Amino acid sequence: MKPPQKKPVGALQRLVNALFVPGDKPKPAAQPSAGGRKADPRAELARLIRSIRAKMDPRLLKLAEKVARKGPPTTDHERAMLSVELFLAQKNDGGAFADKLRAKLEEEKRRGGPTRH
C-alpha cells in the first residue's frame, strides 16, 4: 500500500501555524505556588491570547472582531464587503489605495452609477 499523501496547506492553516509556532526559546513551565497548586489556567490562556493578538495586524484583528460580533456574512453583499475590507487591510500603503478607491466610489455615487470605460 502507498503511504497517505499530505494535503496541501491552505492560507488559513499557514496563518494559524505562524501564530502558534513557539519563539526561539520555550516558555518555562508554570511553577507551583506556595500552596503546591499550579498557576491559574485562565491567566495562562489570557497571556497566550495577548501574545497572539500582539503578533496580528491590528486591521485584520479589527475585521476578525467585527465578524465575531456579527457572525459570518450571510448575503452576497456582506461577503463582497468583507472581501474588499480584507484586501484593503493587506495593502501596506498607509491607506492611500483605500482613500483613492473611496474617492472613486463617491464620484460614481454623485454621477448616479458606475463609470464606463
PDB file of N, CA and C in Angstrom:
ATOM      1  N   MET A   1       0.824  -1.193   0.000  1.00  0.00           N
ATOM      2  CA  MET A   1       0.000   0.000   0.000  1.00  0.00           C
ATOM      3  C   MET A   1       0.864   1.250   0.000  1.00  0.00           C
ATOM      4  N   LYS A   2       0.357   2.257  -0.666  1.00  0.00           N
ATOM      5  CA  LYS A   2       1.044   3.549  -0.679  1.00  0.00           C
ATOM      6  C   LYS A   2       0.818   4.272   0.637  1.00  0.00           C
ATOM      7  N   PRO A   3       1.827   5.004   1.095  1.00  0.00           N
ATOM      8  CA  PRO A   3       1.588   5.823   2.291  1.00  0.00           C
ATOM      9  C   PRO A   3       0.665   6.975   1.927  1.00  0.00           C
ATOM     10  N   PRO A   4      -0.165   7.431   2.860  1.00  0.00           N
ATOM     11  CA  PRO A   4      -1.076   8.538   2.535  1.00  0.00           C
ATOM     12  C   PRO A   4      -0.301   9.805   2.212  1.00  0.00           C
ATOM     13  N   GLN A   5      -0.785  10.520   1.189  1.00  0.00           N
ATOM     14  CA  GLN A   5      -0.131  11.762   0.786  1.00  0.00           C
ATOM     15  C   GLN A   5      -0.627  12.908   1.639  1.00  0.00           C
ATOM     16  N   LYS A   6       0.274  13.850   1.897  1.00  0.00           N
ATOM     17  CA  LYS A   6      -0.102  15.036   2.671  1.00  0.00           C
ATOM     18  C   LYS A   6      -0.925  15.967   1.798  1.00  0.00           C
ATOM     19  N   LYS A   7      -1.964  16.560   2.400  1.00  0.00           N
ATOM     20  CA  LYS A   7      -2.762  17.544   1.684  1.00  0.00           C
ATOM     21  C   LYS A   7      -2.011  18.868   1.678  1.00  0.00           C
ATOM     22  N   PRO A   8      -2.154  19.669   0.611  1.00  0.00           N
ATOM     23  CA  PRO A   8      -1.507  20.981   0.620  1.00  0.00           C
ATOM     24  C   PRO A   8      -2.113  21.862   1.707  1.00  0.00           C
ATOM     25  N   VAL A   9      -1.263  22.659   2.312  1.00  0.00           N
ATOM     26  CA  VAL A   9      -1.693  23.527   3.407  1.00  0.00           C
ATOM     27  C   VAL A   9      -2.288  24.800   2.825  1.00  0.00           C
ATOM     28  N   GLY A  10      -3.489  25.161   3.290  1.00  0.00           N
ATOM     29  CA  GLY A  10      -4.173  26.353   2.820  1.00  0.00           C
ATOM     30  C   GLY A  10      -3.654  27.606   3.509  1.00  0.00           C
ATOM     31  N   ALA A  11      -4.092  28.756   3.041  1.00  0.00           N
ATOM     32  CA  ALA A  11      -3.642  30.044   3.575  1.00  0.00           C
ATOM     33  C   ALA A  11      -4.036  30.212   5.036  1.00  0.00           C
ATOM     34  N   LEU A  12      -5.253  29.799   5.391  1.00  0.00           N
ATOM     35  CA  LEU A  12      -5.705  29.942   6.774  1.00  0.00           C
ATOM     36  C   LEU A  12      -4.861  29.079   7.702  1.00  0.00           C
ATOM     37  N   GLN A  13      -4.556  27.852   7.277  1.00  0.00           N
ATOM     38  CA  GLN A  13      -3.741  26.967   8.110  1.00  0.00           C
ATOM     39  C   GLN A  13      -2.325  27.523   8.263  1.00  0.00           C
ATOM     40  N   ARG A  14      -1.777  28.118   7.200  1.00  0.00           N
ATOM     41  CA  ARG A  14      -0.443  28.716   7.311  1.00  0.00           C
ATOM     42  C   ARG A  14      -0.451  29.861   8.312  1.00  0.00           C
ATOM     43  N   LEU A  15      -1.521  30.669   8.312  1.00  0.00           N
ATOM     44  CA  LEU A  15      -1.636  31.776   9.255  1.00  0.00           C
ATOM     45  C   LEU A  15      -1.700  31.245  10.678  1.00  0.00           C
ATOM     46  N   VAL A  16      -2.526  30.234  10.901  1.00  0.00           N
ATOM     47  CA  VAL A  16      -2.659  29.666  12.240  1.00  0.00           C
ATOM     48  C   VAL A  16      -1.334  29.061  12.682  1.00  0.00           C
ATOM     49  N   ASN A  17      -0.676  28.338  11.782  1.00  0.00           N
ATOM     50  CA  ASN A  17       0.626  27.749  12.130  1.00  0.00           C
ATOM     51  C   ASN A  17       1.634  28.827  12.486  1.00  0.00           C
ATOM     52  N   ALA A  18       1.630  29.939  11.750  1.00  0.00           N
ATOM     53  CA  ALA A  18       2.576  31.015  12.023  1.00  0.00           C
ATOM     54  C   ALA A  18       2.305  31.651  13.378  1.00  0.00           C
ATOM     55  N   LEU A  19       1.042  31.716  13.774  1.00  0.00           N
ATOM     56  CA  LEU A  19       0.709  32.329  15.053  1.00  0.00           C
ATOM     57  C   LEU A  19       1.059  31.438  16.237  1.00  0.00           C
ATOM     58  N   PHE A  20       1.010  30.123  16.048  1.00  0.00           N
ATOM     59  CA  PHE A  20       1.196  29.227  17.167  1.00  0.00           C
ATOM     60  C   PHE A  20       2.575  28.577  17.214  1.00  0.00           C
ATOM     61  N   VAL A  21       3.482  28.968  16.330  1.00  0.00           N
ATOM     62  CA  VAL A  21       4.841  28.439  16.387  1.00  0.00           C
ATOM     63  C   VAL A  21       5.558  29.119  17.537  1.00  0.00           C
ATOM     64  N   PRO A  22       6.152  28.342  18.451  1.00  0.00           N
ATOM     65  CA  PRO A  22       6.835  28.979  19.580  1.00  0.00           C
ATOM     66  C   PRO A  22       8.050  29.761  19.109  1.00  0.00           C
ATOM     67  N   GLY A  23       8.448  30.727  19.902  1.00  0.00           N
ATOM     68  CA  GLY A  23       9.615  31.544  19.577  1.00  0.00           C
ATOM     69  C   GLY A  23      10.903  30.749  19.708  1.00  0.00           C
ATOM     70  N   ASP A  24      12.029  31.445  19.802  1.00  0.00           N
ATOM     71  CA  ASP A  24      13.322  30.779  19.894  1.00  0.00           C
ATOM     72  C   ASP A  24      13.436  29.907  21.142  1.00  0.00           C
ATOM     73  N   LYS A  25      12.907  30.405  22.239  1.00  0.00           N
ATOM     74  CA  LYS A  25      13.025  29.670  23.492  1.00  0.00           C
ATOM     75  C   LYS A  25      11.646  29.299  24.004  1.00  0.00           C
ATOM     76  N   PRO A  26      11.487  28.056  24.429  1.00  0.00           N
ATOM     77  CA  PRO A  26      10.188  27.700  25.001  1.00  0.00           C
ATOM     78  C   PRO A  26       9.983  28.381  26.345  1.00  0.00           C
ATOM     79  N   LYS A  27       8.728  28.660  26.662  1.00  0.00           N
ATOM     80  CA  LYS A  27       8.404  29.285  27.929  1.00  0.00           C
ATOM     81  C   LYS A  27       8.596  28.260  29.047  1.00  0.00           C
ATOM     82  N   PRO A  28       9.086  28.695  30.191  1.00  0.00           N
ATOM     83  CA  PRO A  28       9.231  27.743  31.291  1.00  0.00           C
ATOM     84  C   PRO A  28       7.862  27.297  31.781  1.00  0.00           C
ATOM     85  N   ALA A  29       7.805  26.094  32.300  1.00  0.00           N
ATOM     86  CA  ALA A  29       6.544  25.564  32.817  1.00  0.00           C
ATOM     87  C   ALA A  29       6.115  26.383  34.022  1.00  0.00           C
ATOM     88  N   ALA A  30       4.824  26.442  34.230  1.00  0.00           N
ATOM     89  CA  ALA A  30       4.296  27.214  35.358  1.00  0.00           C
ATOM     90  C   ALA A  30       4.799  26.610  36.668  1.00  0.00           C
ATOM     91  N   GLN A  31       5.308  27.450  37.514  1.00  0.00           N
ATOM     92  CA  GLN A  31       5.822  26.992  38.801  1.00  0.00           C
ATOM     93  C   GLN A  31       4.679  26.866  39.793  1.00  0.00           C
ATOM     94  N   PRO A  32       4.692  25.808  40.591  1.00  0.00           N
ATOM     95  CA  PRO A  32       3.647  25.692  41.596  1.00  0.00           C
ATOM     96  C   PRO A  32       3.772  26.802  42.619  1.00  0.00           C
ATOM     97  N   SER A  33       2.641  27.261  43.108  1.00  0.00           N
ATOM     98  CA  SER A  33       2.651  28.316  44.110  1.00  0.00           C
ATOM     99  C   SER A  33       3.014  27.710  45.462  1.00  0.00           C
ATOM    100  N   ALA A  34       3.043  28.537  46.467  1.00  0.00           N
ATOM    101  CA  ALA A  34       3.434  28.082  47.796  1.00  0.00           C
ATOM    102  C   ALA A  34       2.500  26.985  48.297  1.00  0.00           C
ATOM    103  N   GLY A  35       1.248  27.010  47.887  1.00  0.00           N
ATOM    104  CA  GLY A  35       0.295  26.000  48.333  1.00  0.00           C
ATOM    105  C   GLY A  35       0.424  24.694  47.568  1.00  0.00           C
ATOM    106  N   GLY A  36       1.349  24.600  46.604  1.00  0.00           N
ATOM    107  CA  GLY A  36       1.546  23.382  45.834  1.00  0.00           C
ATOM    108  C   GLY A  36       0.627  23.281  44.621  1.00  0.00           C
ATOM    109  N   ARG A  37      -0.145  24.326  44.321  1.00  0.00           N
ATOM    110  CA  ARG A  37      -1.048  24.306  43.179  1.00  0.00           C
ATOM    111  C   ARG A  37      -0.394  25.004  42.002  1.00  0.00           C
ATOM    112  N   LYS A  38      -0.790  24.602  40.800  1.00  0.00           N
ATOM    113  CA  LYS A  38      -0.253  25.230  39.589  1.00  0.00           C
ATOM    114  C   LYS A  38      -0.896  26.593  39.376  1.00  0.00           C
ATOM    115  N   ALA A  39      -0.287  27.361  38.472  1.00  0.00           N
ATOM    116  CA  ALA A  39      -0.819  28.692  38.140  1.00  0.00           C
ATOM    117  C   ALA A  39      -2.205  28.548  37.520  1.00  0.00           C
ATOM    118  N   ASP A  40      -2.992  29.592  37.622  1.00  0.00           N
ATOM    119  CA  ASP A  40      -4.353  29.596  37.106  1.00  0.00           C
ATOM    120  C   ASP A  40      -4.336  29.422  35.585  1.00  0.00           C
ATOM    121  N   PRO A  41      -5.029  28.403  35.047  1.00  0.00           N
ATOM    122  CA  PRO A  41      -5.024  28.203  33.586  1.00  0.00           C
ATOM    123  C   PRO A  41      -5.668  29.363  32.836  1.00  0.00           C
ATOM    124  N   ARG A  42      -6.606  30.072  33.476  1.00  0.00           N
ATOM    125  CA  ARG A  42      -7.231  31.220  32.807  1.00  0.00           C
ATOM    126  C   ARG A  42      -6.222  32.339  32.604  1.00  0.00           C
ATOM    127  N   ALA A  43      -5.331  32.527  33.581  1.00  0.00           N
ATOM    128  CA  ALA A  43      -4.297  33.554  33.438  1.00  0.00           C
ATOM    129  C   ALA A  43      -3.327  33.170  32.333  1.00  0.00           C
ATOM    130  N   GLU A  44      -2.999  31.891  32.239  1.00  0.00           N
ATOM    131  CA  GLU A  44      -2.111  31.422  31.173  1.00  0.00           C
ATOM    132  C   GLU A  44      -2.769  31.605  29.809  1.00  0.00           C
ATOM    133  N   LEU A  45      -4.058  31.284  29.707  1.00  0.00           N
ATOM    134  CA  LEU A  45      -4.786  31.462  28.450  1.00  0.00           C
ATOM    135  C   LEU A  45      -4.839  32.936  28.067  1.00  0.00           C
ATOM    136  N   ALA A  46      -5.097  33.808  29.033  1.00  0.00           N
ATOM    137  CA  ALA A  46      -5.139  35.248  28.758  1.00  0.00           C
ATOM    138  C   ALA A  46      -3.774  35.734  28.266  1.00  0.00           C
ATOM    139  N   ARG A  47      -2.690  35.223  28.847  1.00  0.00           N
ATOM    140  CA  ARG A  47      -1.348  35.596  28.410  1.00  0.00           C
ATOM    141  C   ARG A  47      -1.115  35.147  26.967  1.00  0.00           C
ATOM    142  N   LEU A  48      -1.543  33.911  26.639  1.00  0.00           N
ATOM    143  CA  LEU A  48      -1.376  33.405  25.271  1.00  0.00           C
ATOM    144  C   LEU A  48      -2.184  34.240  24.276  1.00  0.00           C
ATOM    145  N   ILE A  49      -3.408  34.596  24.635  1.00  0.00           N
ATOM    146  CA  ILE A  49      -4.248  35.412  23.746  1.00  0.00           C
ATOM    147  C   ILE A  49      -3.596  36.771  23.509  1.00  0.00           C
ATOM    148  N   ARG A  50      -3.067  37.386  24.572  1.00  0.00           N
ATOM    149  CA  ARG A  50      -2.401  38.689  24.401  1.00  0.00           C
ATOM    150  C   ARG A  50      -1.190  38.572  23.488  1.00  0.00           C
ATOM    151  N   SER A  51      -0.415  37.495  23.620  1.00  0.00           N
ATOM    152  CA  SER A  51       0.773  37.356  22.772  1.00  0.00           C
ATOM    153  C   SER A  51       0.384  37.137  21.310  1.00  0.00           C
ATOM    154  N   ILE A  52      -0.688  36.379  21.073  1.00  0.00           N
ATOM    155  CA  ILE A  52      -1.144  36.152  19.699  1.00  0.00           C
ATOM    156  C   ILE A  52      -1.681  37.447  19.102  1.00  0.00           C
ATOM    157  N   ARG A  53      -2.478  38.194  19.870  1.00  0.00           N
ATOM    158  CA  ARG A  53      -3.036  39.457  19.382  1.00  0.00           C
ATOM    159  C   ARG A  53      -1.942  40.463  19.076  1.00  0.00           C
ATOM    160  N   ALA A  54      -0.850  40.434  19.856  1.00  0.00           N
ATOM    161  CA  ALA A  54       0.252  41.369  19.622  1.00  0.00           C
ATOM    162  C   ALA A  54       0.947  41.088  18.295  1.00  0.00           C
ATOM    163  N   LYS A  55       0.927  39.838  17.843  1.00  0.00           N
ATOM    164  CA  LYS A  55       1.585  39.467  16.585  1.00  0.00           C
ATOM    165  C   LYS A  55       0.723  39.779  15.363  1.00  0.00           C
ATOM    166  N   MET A  56      -0.591  39.926  15.559  1.00  0.00           N
ATOM    167  CA  MET A  56      -1.504  40.111  14.432  1.00  0.00           C
ATOM    168  C   MET A  56      -1.553  41.564  13.987  1.00  0.00           C
ATOM    169  N   ASP A  57      -1.842  41.746  12.714  1.00  0.00           N
ATOM    170  CA  ASP A  57      -2.040  43.079  12.155  1.00  0.00           C
ATOM    171  C   ASP A  57      -3.309  43.656  12.777  1.00  0.00           C
ATOM    172  N   PRO A  58      -3.252  44.869  13.359  1.00  0.00           N
ATOM    173  CA  PRO A  58      -4.426  45.432  14.024  1.00  0.00           C
ATOM    174  C   PRO A  58      -5.645  45.577  13.107  1.00  0.00           C
ATOM    175  N   ARG A  59      -5.415  45.844  11.825  1.00  0.00           N
ATOM    176  CA  ARG A  59      -6.558  45.992  10.913  1.00  0.00           C
ATOM    177  C   ARG A  59      -7.263  44.654  10.707  1.00  0.00           C
ATOM    178  N   LEU A  60      -6.470  43.571  10.576  1.00  0.00           N
ATOM    179  CA  LEU A  60      -7.077  42.254  10.409  1.00  0.00           C
ATOM    180  C   LEU A  60      -7.761  41.818  11.699  1.00  0.00           C
ATOM    181  N   LEU A  61      -7.173  42.172  12.826  1.00  0.00           N
ATOM    182  CA  LEU A  61      -7.777  41.850  14.115  1.00  0.00           C
ATOM    183  C   LEU A  61      -9.125  42.553  14.261  1.00  0.00           C
ATOM    184  N   LYS A  62      -9.193  43.801  13.819  1.00  0.00           N
ATOM    185  CA  LYS A  62     -10.443  44.563  13.886  1.00  0.00           C
ATOM    186  C   LYS A  62     -11.523  43.889  13.034  1.00  0.00           C
ATOM    187  N   LEU A  63     -11.142  43.409  11.843  1.00  0.00           N
ATOM    188  CA  LEU A  63     -12.098  42.718  10.980  1.00  0.00           C
ATOM    189  C   LEU A  63     -12.548  41.398  11.611  1.00  0.00           C
ATOM    190  N   ALA A  64     -11.624  40.682  12.226  1.00  0.00           N
ATOM    191  CA  ALA A  64     -11.974  39.418  12.877  1.00  0.00           C
ATOM    192  C   ALA A  64     -12.949  39.656  14.026  1.00  0.00           C
ATOM    193  N   GLU A  65     -12.730  40.721  14.794  1.00  0.00           N
ATOM    194  CA  GLU A  65     -13.644  41.045  15.890  1.00  0.00           C
ATOM    195  C   GLU A  65     -15.024  41.415  15.351  1.00  0.00           C
ATOM    196  N   LYS A  66     -15.057  42.118  14.222  1.00  0.00           N
ATOM    197  CA  LYS A  66     -16.330  42.503  13.603  1.00  0.00           C
ATOM    198  C   LYS A  66     -17.108  41.260  13.175  1.00  0.00           C
ATOM    199  N   VAL A  67     -16.410  40.295  12.548  1.00  0.00           N
ATOM    200  CA  VAL A  67     -17.065  39.065  12.113  1.00  0.00           C
ATOM    201  C   VAL A  67     -17.527  38.257  13.329  1.00  0.00           C
ATOM    202  N   ALA A  68     -16.710  38.251  14.389  1.00  0.00           N
ATOM    203  CA  ALA A  68     -17.091  37.508  15.593  1.00  0.00           C
ATOM    204  C   ALA A  68     -18.341  38.102  16.230  1.00  0.00           C
ATOM    205  N   ARG A  69     -18.476  39.426  16.208  1.00  0.00           N
ATOM    206  CA  ARG A  69     -19.651  40.074  16.794  1.00  0.00           C
ATOM    207  C   ARG A  69     -20.900  39.828  15.960  1.00  0.00           C
ATOM    208  N   LYS A  70     -20.794  40.029  14.646  1.00  0.00           N
ATOM    209  CA  LYS A  70     -21.962  39.944  13.767  1.00  0.00           C
ATOM    210  C   LYS A  70     -22.235  38.539  13.274  1.00  0.00           C
ATOM    211  N   GLY A  71     -21.244  37.663  13.331  1.00  0.00           N
ATOM    212  CA  GLY A  71     -21.377  36.343  12.737  1.00  0.00           C
ATOM    213  C   GLY A  71     -20.876  36.388  11.308  1.00  0.00           C
ATOM    214  N   PRO A  72     -20.765  35.240  10.667  1.00  0.00           N
ATOM    215  CA  PRO A  72     -20.260  35.227   9.291  1.00  0.00           C
ATOM    216  C   PRO A  72     -21.230  35.920   8.347  1.00  0.00           C
ATOM    217  N   PRO A  73     -20.718  36.467   7.244  1.00  0.00           N
ATOM    218  CA  PRO A  73     -21.599  37.144   6.288  1.00  0.00           C
ATOM    219  C   PRO A  73     -22.596  36.164   5.685  1.00  0.00           C
ATOM    220  N   THR A  74     -23.830  36.607   5.534  1.00  0.00           N
ATOM    221  CA  THR A  74     -24.878  35.726   5.014  1.00  0.00           C
ATOM    222  C   THR A  74     -25.345  36.120   3.618  1.00  0.00           C
ATOM    223  N   THR A  75     -25.140  37.372   3.241  1.00  0.00           N
ATOM    224  CA  THR A  75     -25.577  37.796   1.905  1.00  0.00           C
ATOM    225  C   THR A  75     -24.366  38.017   1.012  1.00  0.00           C
ATOM    226  N   ASP A  76     -24.610  38.042  -0.272  1.00  0.00           N
ATOM    227  CA  ASP A  76     -23.528  38.288  -1.218  1.00  0.00           C
ATOM    228  C   ASP A  76     -22.910  39.663  -0.995  1.00  0.00           C
ATOM    229  N   HIS A  77     -23.749  40.646  -0.676  1.00  0.00           N
ATOM    230  CA  HIS A  77     -23.250  41.999  -0.443  1.00  0.00           C
ATOM    231  C   HIS A  77     -22.293  42.014   0.758  1.00  0.00           C
ATOM    232  N   GLU A  78     -22.684  41.340   1.858  1.00  0.00           N
ATOM    233  CA  GLU A  78     -21.818  41.290   3.043  1.00  0.00           C
ATOM    234  C   GLU A  78     -20.511  40.565   2.742  1.00  0.00           C
ATOM    235  N   ARG A  79     -20.585  39.476   1.977  1.00  0.00           N
ATOM    236  CA  ARG A  79     -19.367  38.730   1.608  1.00  0.00           C
ATOM    237  C   ARG A  79     -18.447  39.598   0.758  1.00  0.00           C
ATOM    238  N   ALA A  80     -19.021  40.343  -0.177  1.00  0.00           N
ATOM    239  CA  ALA A  80     -18.217  41.212  -1.035  1.00  0.00           C
ATOM    240  C   ALA A  80     -17.558  42.317  -0.213  1.00  0.00           C
ATOM    241  N   MET A  81     -18.321  42.905   0.701  1.00  0.00           N
ATOM    242  CA  MET A  81     -17.758  43.970   1.543  1.00  0.00           C
ATOM    243  C   MET A  81     -16.611  43.433   2.404  1.00  0.00           C
ATOM    244  N   LEU A  82     -16.780  42.248   2.982  1.00  0.00           N
ATOM    245  CA  LEU A  82     -15.729  41.658   3.808  1.00  0.00           C
ATOM    246  C   LEU A  82     -14.491  41.352   2.961  1.00  0.00           C
ATOM    247  N   SER A  83     -14.712  40.864   1.742  1.00  0.00           N
ATOM    248  CA  SER A  83     -13.577  40.576   0.854  1.00  0.00           C
ATOM    249  C   SER A  83     -12.793  41.839   0.533  1.00  0.00           C
ATOM    250  N   VAL A  84     -13.501  42.921   0.253  1.00  0.00           N
ATOM    251  CA  VAL A  84     -12.836  44.187  -0.047  1.00  0.00           C
ATOM    252  C   VAL A  84     -12.097  44.700   1.184  1.00  0.00           C
ATOM    253  N   GLU A  85     -12.727  44.600   2.356  1.00  0.00           N
ATOM    254  CA  GLU A  85     -12.072  45.048   3.586  1.00  0.00           C
ATOM    255  C   GLU A  85     -10.796  44.249   3.851  1.00  0.00           C
ATOM    256  N   LEU A  86     -10.844  42.928   3.648  1.00  0.00           N
ATOM    257  CA  LEU A  86      -9.650  42.098   3.839  1.00  0.00           C
ATOM    258  C   LEU A  86      -8.558  42.465   2.842  1.00  0.00           C
ATOM    259  N   PHE A  87      -8.967  42.705   1.583  1.00  0.00           N
ATOM    260  CA  PHE A  87      -7.993  43.097   0.556  1.00  0.00           C
ATOM    261  C   PHE A  87      -7.316  44.411   0.934  1.00  0.00           C
ATOM    262  N   LEU A  88      -8.124  45.395   1.353  1.00  0.00           N
ATOM    263  CA  LEU A  88      -7.559  46.698   1.698  1.00  0.00           C
ATOM    264  C   LEU A  88      -6.700  46.624   2.956  1.00  0.00           C
ATOM    265  N   ALA A  89      -7.046  45.748   3.890  1.00  0.00           N
ATOM    266  CA  ALA A  89      -6.271  45.623   5.122  1.00  0.00           C
ATOM    267  C   ALA A  89      -4.892  45.028   4.847  1.00  0.00           C
ATOM    268  N   GLN A  90      -4.755  44.274   3.765  1.00  0.00           N
ATOM    269  CA  GLN A  90      -3.466  43.645   3.450  1.00  0.00           C
ATOM    270  C   GLN A  90      -2.525  44.577   2.691  1.00  0.00           C
ATOM    271  N   LYS A  91      -3.041  45.701   2.202  1.00  0.00           N
ATOM    272  CA  LYS A  91      -2.191  46.663   1.489  1.00  0.00           C
ATOM    273  C   LYS A  91      -1.293  47.379   2.490  1.00  0.00           C
ATOM    274  N   ASN A  92      -0.053  47.598   2.126  1.00  0.00           N
ATOM    275  CA  ASN A  92       0.899  48.269   3.017  1.00  0.00           C
ATOM    276  C   ASN A  92       1.250  49.662   2.494  1.00  0.00           C
ATOM    277  N   ASP A  93       0.231  50.427   2.134  1.00  0.00           N
ATOM    278  CA  ASP A  93       0.484  51.754   1.582  1.00  0.00           C
ATOM    279  C   ASP A  93      -0.044  52.865   2.480  1.00  0.00           C
ATOM    280  N   GLY A  94      -0.339  52.533   3.730  1.00  0.00           N
ATOM    281  CA  GLY A  94      -0.825  53.546   4.661  1.00  0.00           C
ATOM    282  C   GLY A  94      -2.238  54.022   4.370  1.00  0.00           C
ATOM    283  N   GLY A  95      -2.999  53.253   3.620  1.00  0.00           N
ATOM    284  CA  GLY A  95      -4.383  53.620   3.332  1.00  0.00           C
ATOM    285  C   GLY A  95      -4.561  54.460   2.081  1.00  0.00           C
ATOM    286  N   ALA A  96      -3.495  54.682   1.323  1.00  0.00           N
ATOM    287  CA  ALA A  96      -3.598  55.516   0.115  1.00  0.00           C
ATOM    288  C   ALA A  96      -4.524  54.887  -0.917  1.00  0.00           C
ATOM    289  N   PHE A  97      -4.403  53.573  -1.131  1.00  0.00           N
ATOM    290  CA  PHE A  97      -5.244  52.900  -2.116  1.00  0.00           C
ATOM    291  C   PHE A  97      -6.703  52.943  -1.670  1.00  0.00           C
ATOM    292  N   ALA A  98      -6.955  52.740  -0.367  1.00  0.00           N
ATOM    293  CA  ALA A  98      -8.325  52.775   0.153  1.00  0.00           C
ATOM    294  C   ALA A  98      -8.929  54.161  -0.027  1.00  0.00           C
ATOM    295  N   ASP A  99      -8.145  55.203   0.216  1.00  0.00           N
ATOM    296  CA  ASP A  99      -8.643  56.571   0.035  1.00  0.00           C
ATOM    297  C   ASP A  99      -8.980  56.843  -1.427  1.00  0.00           C
ATOM    298  N   LYS A 100      -8.115  56.368  -2.323  1.00  0.00           N
ATOM    299  CA  LYS A 100      -8.334  56.551  -3.756  1.00  0.00           C
ATOM    300  C   LYS A 100      -9.607  55.813  -4.190  1.00  0.00           C
ATOM    301  N   LEU A 101      -9.782  54.594  -3.700  1.00  0.00           N
ATOM    302  CA  LEU A 101     -10.965  53.809  -4.025  1.00  0.00           C
ATOM    303  C   LEU A 101     -12.225  54.463  -3.466  1.00  0.00           C
ATOM    304  N   ARG A 102     -12.153  54.951  -2.238  1.00  0.00           N
ATOM    305  CA  ARG A 102     -13.305  55.618  -1.612  1.00  0.00           C
ATOM    306  C   ARG A 102     -13.706  56.859  -2.412  1.00  0.00           C
ATOM    307  N   ALA A 103     -12.713  57.649  -2.853  1.00  0.00           N
ATOM    308  CA  ALA A 103     -12.998  58.842  -3.648  1.00  0.00           C
ATOM    309  C   ALA A 103     -13.654  58.468  -4.975  1.00  0.00           C
ATOM    310  N   LYS A 104     -13.160  57.414  -5.593  1.00  0.00           N
ATOM    311  CA  LYS A 104     -13.723  56.960  -6.872  1.00  0.00           C
ATOM    312  C   LYS A 104     -15.177  56.520  -6.690  1.00  0.00           C
ATOM    313  N   LEU A 105     -15.460  55.790  -5.604  1.00  0.00           N
ATOM    314  CA  LEU A 105     -16.825  55.339  -5.345  1.00  0.00           C
ATOM    315  C   LEU A 105     -17.755  56.515  -5.054  1.00  0.00           C
ATOM    316  N   GLU A 106     -17.275  57.504  -4.322  1.00  0.00           N
ATOM    317  CA  GLU A 106     -18.086  58.689  -4.047  1.00  0.00           C
ATOM    318  C   GLU A 106     -18.387  59.442  -5.339  1.00  0.00           C
ATOM    319  N   GLU A 107     -17.406  59.515  -6.220  1.00  0.00           N
ATOM    320  CA  GLU A 107     -17.606  60.192  -7.511  1.00  0.00           C
ATOM    321  C   GLU A 107     -18.672  59.459  -8.324  1.00  0.00           C
ATOM    322  N   GLU A 108     -18.633  58.126  -8.312  1.00  0.00           N
ATOM    323  CA  GLU A 108     -19.630  57.338  -9.036  1.00  0.00           C
ATOM    324  C   GLU A 108     -21.024  57.538  -8.444  1.00  0.00           C
ATOM    325  N   LYS A 109     -21.111  57.632  -7.120  1.00  0.00           N
ATOM    326  CA  LYS A 109     -22.411  57.860  -6.475  1.00  0.00           C
ATOM    327  C   LYS A 109     -23.008  59.193  -6.912  1.00  0.00           C
ATOM    328  N   ARG A 110     -22.148  60.222  -6.965  1.00  0.00           N
ATOM    329  CA  ARG A 110     -22.633  61.544  -7.381  1.00  0.00           C
ATOM    330  C   ARG A 110     -23.144  61.533  -8.801  1.00  0.00           C
ATOM    331  N   ARG A 111     -22.473  60.782  -9.673  1.00  0.00           N
ATOM    332  CA  ARG A 111     -22.889  60.719 -11.064  1.00  0.00           C
ATOM    333  C   ARG A 111     -24.090  59.828 -11.287  1.00  0.00           C
ATOM    334  N   GLY A 112     -24.397  58.979 -10.326  1.00  0.00           N
ATOM    335  CA  GLY A 112     -25.592  58.157 -10.445  1.00  0.00           C
ATOM    336  C   GLY A 112     -25.355  56.743 -10.950  1.00  0.00           C
ATOM    337  N   GLY A 113     -24.150  56.265 -10.973  1.00  0.00           N
ATOM    338  CA  GLY A 113     -23.907  54.894 -11.411  1.00  0.00           C
ATOM    339  C   GLY A 113     -22.445  54.636 -11.672  1.00  0.00           C
ATOM    340  N   PRO A 114     -22.119  53.423 -12.000  1.00  0.00           N
ATOM    341  CA  PRO A 114     -20.719  53.083 -12.269  1.00  0.00           C
ATOM    342  C   PRO A 114     -20.232  53.752 -13.554  1.00  0.00           C
ATOM    343  N   THR A 115     -18.950  54.027 -13.575  1.00  0.00           N
ATOM    344  CA  THR A 115     -18.363  54.638 -14.775  1.00  0.00           C
ATOM    345  C   THR A 115     -18.148  53.562 -15.828  1.00  0.00           C
ATOM    346  N   ARG A 116     -18.235  53.944 -17.061  1.00  0.00           N
ATOM    347  CA  ARG A 116     -17.998  53.035 -18.175  1.00  0.00           C
ATOM    348  C   ARG A 116     -16.713  53.441 -18.867  1.00  0.00           C
ATOM    349  N   HIS A 117     -15.797  52.503 -19.026  1.00  0.00           N
ATOM    350  CA  HIS A 117     -14.514  52.813 -19.678  1.00  0.00           C
ATOM    351  C   HIS A 117     -14.431  52.109 -20.986  1.00  0.00           C
TER     352      HIS A 117
END
